[in-house]
C-alpha atoms as a PDB file:
ATOM      1  CA  MET A   1       0.000   0.000   0.000  1.00  0.00           C
ATOM      2  CA  GLY A   2       1.109   3.547  -0.623  1.00  0.00           C
ATOM      3  CA  GLU A   3       3.645   2.500  -3.268  1.00  0.00           C
ATOM      4  CA  LEU A   4       4.639   5.141  -5.740  1.00  0.00           C
ATOM      5  CA  LEU A   5       5.142   3.861  -9.273  1.00  0.00           C
ATOM      6  CA  LEU A   6       7.466   6.008 -11.349  1.00  0.00           C
ATOM      7  CA  LEU A   7       7.414   5.445 -15.083  1.00  0.00           C
ATOM      8  CA  ARG A   8      10.858   5.875 -16.618  1.00  0.00           C
ATOM      9  CA  MET A   9      10.611   7.564 -19.970  1.00  0.00           C
ATOM     10  CA  ASN A  10      12.983   9.248 -22.365  1.00  0.00           C
ATOM     11  CA  LEU A  11      12.531  12.255 -24.633  1.00  0.00           C
ATOM     12  CA  LYS A  12      11.607  10.048 -27.619  1.00  0.00           C
ATOM     13  CA  SER A  13       8.571   8.737 -25.725  1.00  0.00           C
ATOM     14  CA  ILE A  14       6.925  12.141 -25.279  1.00  0.00           C
ATOM     15  CA  LYS A  15       4.538  13.761 -27.706  1.00  0.00           C
ATOM     16  CA  SER A  16       3.838  17.253 -28.945  1.00  0.00           C
ATOM     17  CA  GLY A  17       2.360  19.468 -26.238  1.00  0.00           C
ATOM     18  CA  ASP A  18       3.705  17.438 -23.298  1.00  0.00           C
ATOM     19  CA  LYS A  19       5.349  19.404 -20.500  1.00  0.00           C
ATOM     20  CA  ILE A  20       8.133  17.376 -18.932  1.00  0.00           C
ATOM     21  CA  GLU A  21      10.869  17.662 -16.330  1.00  0.00           C
ATOM     22  CA  ILE A  22      14.374  16.530 -17.241  1.00  0.00           C
ATOM     23  CA  THR A  23      15.394  13.886 -14.660  1.00  0.00           C
ATOM     24  CA  VAL A  24      18.545  12.212 -16.034  1.00  0.00           C
ATOM     25  CA  ILE A  25      21.187  13.476 -18.450  1.00  0.00           C
ATOM     26  CA  PRO A  26      24.107  11.156 -19.234  1.00  0.00           C
ATOM     27  CA  GLU A  27      27.438  12.568 -18.115  1.00  0.00           C
ATOM     28  CA  GLU A  28      28.761  12.769 -21.677  1.00  0.00           C
ATOM     29  CA  LEU A  29      25.862  15.068 -22.681  1.00  0.00           C
ATOM     30  CA  THR A  30      25.700  17.225 -19.541  1.00  0.00           C
ATOM     31  CA  GLY A  31      28.261  19.828 -20.623  1.00  0.00           C
ATOM     32  CA  ASP A  32      26.776  20.319 -24.084  1.00  0.00           C
ATOM     33  CA  LEU A  33      23.238  20.707 -22.736  1.00  0.00           C
ATOM     34  CA  LEU A  34      24.354  23.061 -19.962  1.00  0.00           C
ATOM     35  CA  ARG A  35      25.915  25.343 -22.593  1.00  0.00           C
ATOM     36  CA  LEU A  36      22.506  25.387 -24.294  1.00  0.00           C
ATOM     37  CA  GLY A  37      20.730  26.184 -21.012  1.00  0.00           C
ATOM     38  CA  ILE A  38      19.229  22.748 -20.297  1.00  0.00           C
ATOM     39  CA  SER A  39      19.914  20.878 -17.041  1.00  0.00           C
ATOM     40  CA  ILE A  40      18.366  18.314 -14.712  1.00  0.00           C
ATOM     41  CA  GLY A  41      15.218  19.672 -13.079  1.00  0.00           C
ATOM     42  CA  ASP A  42      14.318  21.978 -15.967  1.00  0.00           C
ATOM     43  CA  GLU A  43      10.752  21.881 -17.236  1.00  0.00           C
ATOM     44  CA  VAL A  44      10.363  22.049 -20.995  1.00  0.00           C
ATOM     45  CA  ILE A  45       7.554  21.644 -23.521  1.00  0.00           C
ATOM     46  CA  CYS A  46       7.726  19.265 -26.464  1.00  0.00           C
ATOM     47  CA  ILE A  47       7.002  21.227 -29.637  1.00  0.00           C
ATOM     48  CA  SER A  48       7.422  18.235 -31.937  1.00  0.00           C
ATOM     49  CA  SER A  49       8.651  14.651 -31.901  1.00  0.00           C
ATOM     50  CA  ILE A  50       9.315  13.318 -35.366  1.00  0.00           C
ATOM     51  CA  PRO A  51       9.416   9.497 -35.721  1.00  0.00           C
ATOM     52  CA  GLY A  52      12.983   8.522 -36.587  1.00  0.00           C
ATOM     53  CA  GLY A  53      14.019  12.157 -36.233  1.00  0.00           C
ATOM     54  CA  PRO A  54      14.567  14.912 -33.707  1.00  0.00           C
ATOM     55  CA  VAL A  55      12.611  16.013 -30.666  1.00  0.00           C
ATOM     56  CA  ILE A  56      12.058  19.771 -30.560  1.00  0.00           C
ATOM     57  CA  LEU A  57      11.830  21.257 -27.070  1.00  0.00           C
ATOM     58  CA  GLN A  58      10.937  24.735 -25.869  1.00  0.00           C
ATOM     59  CA  GLN A  59      12.188  26.295 -22.649  1.00  0.00           C
ATOM     60  CA  GLU A  60      10.984  29.869 -22.302  1.00  0.00           C
ATOM     61  CA  LEU A  61      12.274  31.569 -25.497  1.00  0.00           C
ATOM     62  CA  LEU A  62      14.727  28.797 -26.416  1.00  0.00           C
ATOM     63  CA  GLU A  63      13.821  26.104 -28.950  1.00  0.00           C
ATOM     64  CA  LEU A  64      16.187  23.159 -29.156  1.00  0.00           C
ATOM     65  CA  ALA A  65      16.199  20.190 -31.560  1.00  0.00           C
ATOM     66  CA  LEU A  66      17.785  17.018 -30.206  1.00  0.00           C
ATOM     67  CA  GLY A  67      18.528  14.103 -32.511  1.00  0.00           C
ATOM     68  CA  GLU A  68      16.905  10.758 -31.840  1.00  0.00           C
ATOM     69  CA  LYS A  69      20.167   9.194 -30.580  1.00  0.00           C
ATOM     70  CA  PHE A  70      20.550  11.858 -27.868  1.00  0.00           C
ATOM     71  CA  ALA A  71      16.836  12.108 -27.046  1.00  0.00           C
ATOM     72  CA  LYS A  72      16.719   8.387 -26.227  1.00  0.00           C
ATOM     73  CA  GLN A  73      19.457   8.867 -23.608  1.00  0.00           C
ATOM     74  CA  ILE A  74      17.773  11.716 -21.691  1.00  0.00           C
ATOM     75  CA  GLU A  75      15.193  10.644 -19.124  1.00  0.00           C
ATOM     76  CA  CYS A  76      12.231  12.720 -18.052  1.00  0.00           C
ATOM     77  CA  ARG A  77       8.953  12.649 -16.206  1.00  0.00           C
ATOM     78  CA  LEU A  78       5.636  13.927 -17.453  1.00  0.00           C
ATOM     79  CA  VAL A  79       4.466  17.093 -15.693  1.00  0.00           C
ATOM     80  CA  GLU A  80       1.439  17.855 -17.872  1.00  0.00           C
ATOM     81  CA  ASN A  81       0.128  16.507 -21.157  1.00  0.00           C
ATOM     82  CA  GLN A  82      -2.107  18.060 -23.785  1.00  0.00           C
END
């Protein structure tokens, strides 16, 4: 009783309009994403997720396209979906 089930998901599993929180960034990607203004704990909105292609995220005025290879490595949790 009282168990909390957390669904692990990556950026390729979200859909357009979803608001998510970044929960895990692999060490090898951390520096690059920090330079772009994205870090663990940030909330972003998915603008588009193209099958076999990039995921486009929006954080305030920043829009960022992440290739499928990188998007699959970044874990998140759903905050709000459309």
